[in-house]
Amino acid sequence: MAGAAAVWPSFTASTGAGLPCPLRALIGVPCPFCGLTTAAIALVRGRAETAFQANPLIFGLAVLAVAVGPLVALRAFGVMSGPRPWSSHRQRRWGQVAVLVAAASWLFQLHRLGVGRPSLRII
């Protein structure tokens, strides 16, 4: 993820290609994950405040990305055993947490981009 965030700005600058949010492009409403590319690039460049302003979810995703690599390596070398299956209750609970996080992120994006706010016009 860090490698992609480091290379992406150069790629978009040289090609003009970008990844628009499909939901925002279709109906003008941002998705809960809008701003994650911008946030990842800002975080890789050491601009934590800019990353937070684009999408605070990036910090949780960064922690997961950093934690997953060593876990996979430790399990691959047999140092740690594989994960145990989750109970249906635990799956349901974490599903609810994921929905709440996505909803909070969506509210943040709607507020950040001013969706639903009347625009001020000076005549």
N, C-alpha and C. Protein backbone atom coordinates (compact mmCIF):
# COMPACT_ATOMS: atom_id res chain seq x y z
N MET A 1 0.83 -1.17 0.00
CA MET A 1 0.00 0.00 0.00
C MET A 1 0.88 1.25 0.00
N ALA A 2 1.93 1.24 0.81
CA ALA A 2 2.82 2.40 0.86
C ALA A 2 3.52 2.59 -0.48
N GLY A 3 3.91 1.49 -1.11
CA GLY A 3 4.56 1.59 -2.42
C GLY A 3 3.64 2.19 -3.46
N ALA A 4 2.39 1.75 -3.48
CA ALA A 4 1.41 2.30 -4.42
C ALA A 4 1.16 3.77 -4.14
N ALA A 5 1.09 4.15 -2.87
CA ALA A 5 0.87 5.56 -2.52
C ALA A 5 2.07 6.42 -2.90
N ALA A 6 3.27 5.83 -2.91
CA ALA A 6 4.46 6.57 -3.29
C ALA A 6 4.55 6.75 -4.80
N VAL A 7 4.10 5.73 -5.57
CA VAL A 7 4.21 5.76 -7.03
C VAL A 7 3.02 6.46 -7.69
N TRP A 8 1.86 6.38 -7.09
CA TRP A 8 0.63 6.89 -7.71
C TRP A 8 0.71 8.35 -8.16
N PRO A 9 1.21 9.28 -7.33
CA PRO A 9 1.25 10.68 -7.78
C PRO A 9 2.05 10.87 -9.06
N SER A 10 3.17 10.18 -9.19
CA SER A 10 3.98 10.29 -10.41
C SER A 10 3.23 9.73 -11.61
N PHE A 11 2.55 8.62 -11.40
CA PHE A 11 1.78 8.00 -12.48
C PHE A 11 0.67 8.92 -12.96
N THR A 12 -0.08 9.48 -12.04
CA THR A 12 -1.19 10.35 -12.44
C THR A 12 -0.69 11.65 -13.06
N ALA A 13 0.43 12.16 -12.57
CA ALA A 13 0.99 13.40 -13.14
C ALA A 13 1.46 13.18 -14.57
N SER A 14 2.04 12.02 -14.85
CA SER A 14 2.58 11.78 -16.19
C SER A 14 1.52 11.31 -17.19
N THR A 15 0.48 10.64 -16.71
CA THR A 15 -0.52 10.09 -17.63
C THR A 15 -1.84 10.87 -17.61
N GLY A 16 -2.11 11.57 -16.54
CA GLY A 16 -3.39 12.26 -16.41
C GLY A 16 -4.51 11.33 -15.98
N ALA A 17 -4.18 10.05 -15.79
CA ALA A 17 -5.18 9.07 -15.36
C ALA A 17 -5.46 9.24 -13.87
N GLY A 18 -6.66 8.95 -13.49
CA GLY A 18 -7.03 9.02 -12.08
C GLY A 18 -8.13 8.02 -11.80
N LEU A 19 -8.43 7.83 -10.55
CA LEU A 19 -9.50 6.92 -10.14
C LEU A 19 -10.61 7.72 -9.48
N PRO A 20 -11.59 8.14 -10.24
CA PRO A 20 -12.70 8.86 -9.61
C PRO A 20 -13.58 7.90 -8.81
N CYS A 21 -14.23 8.41 -7.81
CA CYS A 21 -15.18 7.62 -7.04
C CYS A 21 -16.38 7.33 -7.93
N PRO A 22 -16.71 6.05 -8.17
CA PRO A 22 -17.84 5.74 -9.05
C PRO A 22 -19.16 6.32 -8.55
N LEU A 23 -19.42 6.25 -7.26
CA LEU A 23 -20.68 6.77 -6.72
C LEU A 23 -20.75 8.29 -6.89
N ARG A 24 -19.66 8.95 -6.60
CA ARG A 24 -19.62 10.41 -6.73
C ARG A 24 -19.74 10.83 -8.20
N ALA A 25 -19.13 10.06 -9.10
CA ALA A 25 -19.20 10.38 -10.53
C ALA A 25 -20.63 10.17 -11.06
N LEU A 26 -21.33 9.15 -10.55
CA LEU A 26 -22.68 8.85 -11.04
C LEU A 26 -23.75 9.77 -10.48
N ILE A 27 -23.74 9.97 -9.17
CA ILE A 27 -24.84 10.73 -8.56
C ILE A 27 -24.40 11.94 -7.76
N GLY A 28 -23.09 12.20 -7.69
CA GLY A 28 -22.61 13.38 -7.01
C GLY A 28 -22.49 13.26 -5.50
N VAL A 29 -22.65 12.05 -4.97
CA VAL A 29 -22.55 11.83 -3.53
C VAL A 29 -21.31 10.99 -3.27
N PRO A 30 -20.44 11.41 -2.36
CA PRO A 30 -19.24 10.63 -2.09
C PRO A 30 -19.54 9.33 -1.35
N CYS A 31 -18.70 8.35 -1.56
CA CYS A 31 -18.84 7.09 -0.83
C CYS A 31 -18.09 7.21 0.50
N PRO A 32 -18.25 6.26 1.41
CA PRO A 32 -17.54 6.33 2.69
C PRO A 32 -16.02 6.30 2.55
N PHE A 33 -15.54 5.83 1.40
CA PHE A 33 -14.11 5.65 1.21
C PHE A 33 -13.48 6.72 0.33
N CYS A 34 -14.27 7.74 -0.04
CA CYS A 34 -13.72 8.86 -0.81
C CYS A 34 -12.57 9.49 -0.03
N GLY A 35 -11.53 9.83 -0.74
CA GLY A 35 -10.39 10.49 -0.12
C GLY A 35 -9.32 9.55 0.39
N LEU A 36 -9.53 8.23 0.31
CA LEU A 36 -8.53 7.30 0.84
C LEU A 36 -7.24 7.32 0.02
N THR A 37 -7.33 7.48 -1.29
CA THR A 37 -6.12 7.55 -2.09
C THR A 37 -5.33 8.80 -1.72
N THR A 38 -6.02 9.92 -1.62
CA THR A 38 -5.37 11.17 -1.22
C THR A 38 -4.78 11.03 0.18
N ALA A 39 -5.52 10.42 1.08
CA ALA A 39 -5.05 10.24 2.46
C ALA A 39 -3.83 9.33 2.51
N ALA A 40 -3.83 8.25 1.74
CA ALA A 40 -2.68 7.33 1.73
C ALA A 40 -1.43 8.03 1.21
N ILE A 41 -1.59 8.81 0.15
CA ILE A 41 -0.45 9.54 -0.41
C ILE A 41 0.08 10.55 0.61
N ALA A 42 -0.82 11.27 1.26
CA ALA A 42 -0.40 12.25 2.27
C ALA A 42 0.30 11.58 3.44
N LEU A 43 -0.21 10.44 3.87
CA LEU A 43 0.39 9.72 5.00
C LEU A 43 1.79 9.23 4.66
N VAL A 44 1.96 8.70 3.45
CA VAL A 44 3.28 8.22 3.01
C VAL A 44 4.27 9.39 2.95
N ARG A 45 3.78 10.56 2.62
CA ARG A 45 4.65 11.75 2.54
C ARG A 45 4.82 12.44 3.88
N GLY A 46 4.25 11.86 4.95
CA GLY A 46 4.44 12.41 6.29
C GLY A 46 3.52 13.56 6.63
N ARG A 47 2.45 13.73 5.88
CA ARG A 47 1.51 14.83 6.16
C ARG A 47 0.26 14.26 6.81
N ALA A 48 0.36 13.98 8.09
CA ALA A 48 -0.72 13.32 8.83
C ALA A 48 -1.99 14.18 8.87
N GLU A 49 -1.84 15.49 9.01
CA GLU A 49 -3.02 16.35 9.09
C GLU A 49 -3.79 16.34 7.76
N THR A 50 -3.07 16.40 6.66
CA THR A 50 -3.70 16.34 5.34
C THR A 50 -4.39 14.99 5.16
N ALA A 51 -3.74 13.92 5.61
CA ALA A 51 -4.33 12.59 5.51
C ALA A 51 -5.63 12.52 6.31
N PHE A 52 -5.62 13.08 7.52
CA PHE A 52 -6.82 13.07 8.35
C PHE A 52 -7.94 13.87 7.70
N GLN A 53 -7.60 15.00 7.12
CA GLN A 53 -8.62 15.84 6.48
C GLN A 53 -9.23 15.15 5.27
N ALA A 54 -8.46 14.33 4.57
CA ALA A 54 -8.99 13.62 3.39
C ALA A 54 -9.87 12.45 3.81
N ASN A 55 -9.41 11.64 4.76
CA ASN A 55 -10.21 10.52 5.27
C ASN A 55 -9.50 9.92 6.48
N PRO A 56 -10.05 10.11 7.68
CA PRO A 56 -9.42 9.59 8.89
C PRO A 56 -9.31 8.07 8.93
N LEU A 57 -10.09 7.39 8.12
CA LEU A 57 -10.03 5.93 8.08
C LEU A 57 -8.64 5.42 7.70
N ILE A 58 -7.84 6.25 7.05
CA ILE A 58 -6.53 5.81 6.59
C ILE A 58 -5.64 5.36 7.74
N PHE A 59 -5.82 5.94 8.92
CA PHE A 59 -4.96 5.57 10.04
C PHE A 59 -5.24 4.14 10.50
N GLY A 60 -6.51 3.74 10.55
CA GLY A 60 -6.84 2.36 10.88
C GLY A 60 -6.36 1.39 9.81
N LEU A 61 -6.53 1.78 8.55
CA LEU A 61 -6.06 0.93 7.45
C LEU A 61 -4.55 0.80 7.45
N ALA A 62 -3.85 1.88 7.78
CA ALA A 62 -2.38 1.84 7.84
C ALA A 62 -1.92 0.89 8.94
N VAL A 63 -2.58 0.95 10.10
CA VAL A 63 -2.23 0.04 11.19
C VAL A 63 -2.46 -1.41 10.76
N LEU A 64 -3.59 -1.66 10.12
CA LEU A 64 -3.86 -3.02 9.63
C LEU A 64 -2.81 -3.47 8.61
N ALA A 65 -2.46 -2.58 7.69
CA ALA A 65 -1.48 -2.93 6.67
C ALA A 65 -0.12 -3.26 7.28
N VAL A 66 0.27 -2.49 8.30
CA VAL A 66 1.55 -2.74 8.96
C VAL A 66 1.50 -4.03 9.77
N ALA A 67 0.37 -4.33 10.39
CA ALA A 67 0.25 -5.52 11.24
C ALA A 67 0.11 -6.81 10.45
N VAL A 68 -0.50 -6.75 9.29
CA VAL A 68 -0.79 -7.97 8.53
C VAL A 68 0.48 -8.63 8.01
N GLY A 69 1.43 -7.85 7.52
CA GLY A 69 2.67 -8.41 6.97
C GLY A 69 3.38 -9.33 7.94
N PRO A 70 3.73 -8.84 9.13
CA PRO A 70 4.40 -9.73 10.09
C PRO A 70 3.55 -10.93 10.51
N LEU A 71 2.25 -10.75 10.66
CA LEU A 71 1.39 -11.88 11.03
C LEU A 71 1.42 -12.97 9.96
N VAL A 72 1.33 -12.57 8.72
CA VAL A 72 1.37 -13.55 7.63
C VAL A 72 2.71 -14.26 7.61
N ALA A 73 3.79 -13.51 7.78
CA ALA A 73 5.13 -14.11 7.79
C ALA A 73 5.28 -15.09 8.96
N LEU A 74 4.85 -14.68 10.15
CA LEU A 74 4.97 -15.56 11.33
C LEU A 74 4.15 -16.84 11.15
N ARG A 75 2.98 -16.72 10.55
CA ARG A 75 2.17 -17.91 10.31
C ARG A 75 2.77 -18.77 9.21
N ALA A 76 3.35 -18.16 8.20
CA ALA A 76 3.95 -18.92 7.10
C ALA A 76 5.15 -19.73 7.59
N PHE A 77 5.91 -19.20 8.55
CA PHE A 77 7.08 -19.91 9.07
C PHE A 77 6.75 -20.80 10.26
N GLY A 78 5.48 -20.90 10.60
CA GLY A 78 5.06 -21.80 11.66
C GLY A 78 5.31 -21.28 13.07
N VAL A 79 5.67 -20.03 13.21
CA VAL A 79 5.90 -19.45 14.53
C VAL A 79 4.57 -19.26 15.25
N MET A 80 3.55 -18.90 14.49
CA MET A 80 2.20 -18.73 15.03
C MET A 80 1.27 -19.69 14.32
N SER A 81 0.27 -20.15 15.05
CA SER A 81 -0.73 -21.00 14.42
C SER A 81 -1.70 -20.13 13.63
N GLY A 82 -2.43 -20.77 12.74
CA GLY A 82 -3.41 -20.06 11.93
C GLY A 82 -4.56 -19.54 12.78
N PRO A 83 -5.33 -18.65 12.23
CA PRO A 83 -6.45 -18.10 12.99
C PRO A 83 -7.54 -19.14 13.21
N ARG A 84 -8.21 -19.03 14.34
CA ARG A 84 -9.36 -19.89 14.61
C ARG A 84 -10.60 -19.27 13.99
N PRO A 85 -11.52 -20.08 13.52
CA PRO A 85 -12.76 -19.52 12.95
C PRO A 85 -13.54 -18.75 14.02
N TRP A 86 -14.14 -17.66 13.59
CA TRP A 86 -14.94 -16.86 14.50
C TRP A 86 -16.32 -17.48 14.68
N SER A 87 -16.87 -17.30 15.86
CA SER A 87 -18.23 -17.75 16.11
C SER A 87 -19.18 -16.84 15.32
N SER A 88 -20.40 -17.31 15.11
CA SER A 88 -21.37 -16.49 14.37
C SER A 88 -21.67 -15.19 15.13
N HIS A 89 -21.65 -15.25 16.45
CA HIS A 89 -21.88 -14.04 17.26
C HIS A 89 -20.76 -13.02 17.01
N ARG A 90 -19.52 -13.50 17.03
CA ARG A 90 -18.38 -12.60 16.81
C ARG A 90 -18.39 -12.03 15.39
N GLN A 91 -18.75 -12.84 14.42
CA GLN A 91 -18.85 -12.36 13.04
C GLN A 91 -19.91 -11.27 12.93
N ARG A 92 -21.04 -11.50 13.55
CA ARG A 92 -22.13 -10.52 13.53
C ARG A 92 -21.70 -9.22 14.21
N ARG A 93 -21.04 -9.33 15.35
CA ARG A 93 -20.60 -8.16 16.11
C ARG A 93 -19.60 -7.33 15.29
N TRP A 94 -18.61 -7.98 14.67
CA TRP A 94 -17.62 -7.25 13.87
C TRP A 94 -18.25 -6.70 12.59
N GLY A 95 -19.25 -7.37 12.07
CA GLY A 95 -19.99 -6.84 10.93
C GLY A 95 -20.70 -5.54 11.31
N GLN A 96 -21.28 -5.52 12.51
CA GLN A 96 -21.93 -4.30 12.99
C GLN A 96 -20.92 -3.16 13.18
N VAL A 97 -19.75 -3.51 13.71
CA VAL A 97 -18.70 -2.50 13.89
C VAL A 97 -18.28 -1.94 12.53
N ALA A 98 -18.13 -2.81 11.54
CA ALA A 98 -17.74 -2.37 10.20
C ALA A 98 -18.79 -1.43 9.60
N VAL A 99 -20.06 -1.76 9.79
CA VAL A 99 -21.14 -0.90 9.28
C VAL A 99 -21.10 0.47 9.98
N LEU A 100 -20.89 0.48 11.29
CA LEU A 100 -20.81 1.74 12.03
C LEU A 100 -19.62 2.59 11.58
N VAL A 101 -18.48 1.95 11.36
CA VAL A 101 -17.29 2.68 10.89
C VAL A 101 -17.55 3.26 9.50
N ALA A 102 -18.15 2.46 8.60
CA ALA A 102 -18.46 2.95 7.25
C ALA A 102 -19.46 4.10 7.31
N ALA A 103 -20.46 4.00 8.18
CA ALA A 103 -21.45 5.08 8.31
C ALA A 103 -20.81 6.35 8.84
N ALA A 104 -19.93 6.21 9.83
CA ALA A 104 -19.24 7.39 10.37
C ALA A 104 -18.35 8.02 9.31
N SER A 105 -17.68 7.19 8.54
CA SER A 105 -16.83 7.71 7.46
C SER A 105 -17.66 8.42 6.41
N TRP A 106 -18.82 7.87 6.11
CA TRP A 106 -19.69 8.48 5.10
C TRP A 106 -20.19 9.85 5.58
N LEU A 107 -20.59 9.92 6.85
CA LEU A 107 -21.02 11.21 7.40
C LEU A 107 -19.88 12.23 7.36
N PHE A 108 -18.67 11.78 7.65
CA PHE A 108 -17.50 12.66 7.57
C PHE A 108 -17.32 13.18 6.15
N GLN A 109 -17.42 12.28 5.16
CA GLN A 109 -17.24 12.69 3.77
C GLN A 109 -18.34 13.64 3.31
N LEU A 110 -19.58 13.36 3.70
CA LEU A 110 -20.68 14.24 3.32
C LEU A 110 -20.48 15.64 3.91
N HIS A 111 -20.03 15.70 5.15
CA HIS A 111 -19.76 16.99 5.79
C HIS A 111 -18.56 17.68 5.13
N ARG A 112 -17.49 16.93 4.91
CA ARG A 112 -16.26 17.49 4.33
C ARG A 112 -16.53 18.10 2.96
N LEU A 113 -17.33 17.43 2.17
CA LEU A 113 -17.58 17.89 0.81
C LEU A 113 -18.81 18.77 0.69
N GLY A 114 -19.48 19.01 1.82
CA GLY A 114 -20.60 19.94 1.83
C GLY A 114 -21.85 19.44 1.14
N VAL A 115 -22.02 18.13 1.04
CA VAL A 115 -23.22 17.59 0.38
C VAL A 115 -24.42 17.88 1.26
N GLY A 116 -25.46 18.45 0.65
CA GLY A 116 -26.68 18.76 1.38
C GLY A 116 -26.71 20.17 1.95
N ARG A 117 -25.56 20.84 1.98
CA ARG A 117 -25.53 22.23 2.45
C ARG A 117 -25.90 23.16 1.32
N PRO A 118 -26.72 24.14 1.59
CA PRO A 118 -27.03 25.11 0.53
C PRO A 118 -25.78 25.89 0.17
N SER A 119 -25.59 26.11 -1.10
CA SER A 119 -24.42 26.88 -1.51
C SER A 119 -24.73 28.37 -1.42
N LEU A 120 -23.76 29.13 -1.02
CA LEU A 120 -23.93 30.57 -0.89
C LEU A 120 -23.64 31.23 -2.24
N ARG A 121 -24.55 32.06 -2.64
CA ARG A 121 -24.34 32.78 -3.89
C ARG A 121 -24.37 34.27 -3.58
N ILE A 122 -23.36 34.96 -4.01
CA ILE A 122 -23.29 36.41 -3.84
C ILE A 122 -23.59 37.02 -5.20
N ILE A 123 -24.63 37.82 -5.22
CA ILE A 123 -25.06 38.41 -6.50
C ILE A 123 -24.57 39.84 -6.59
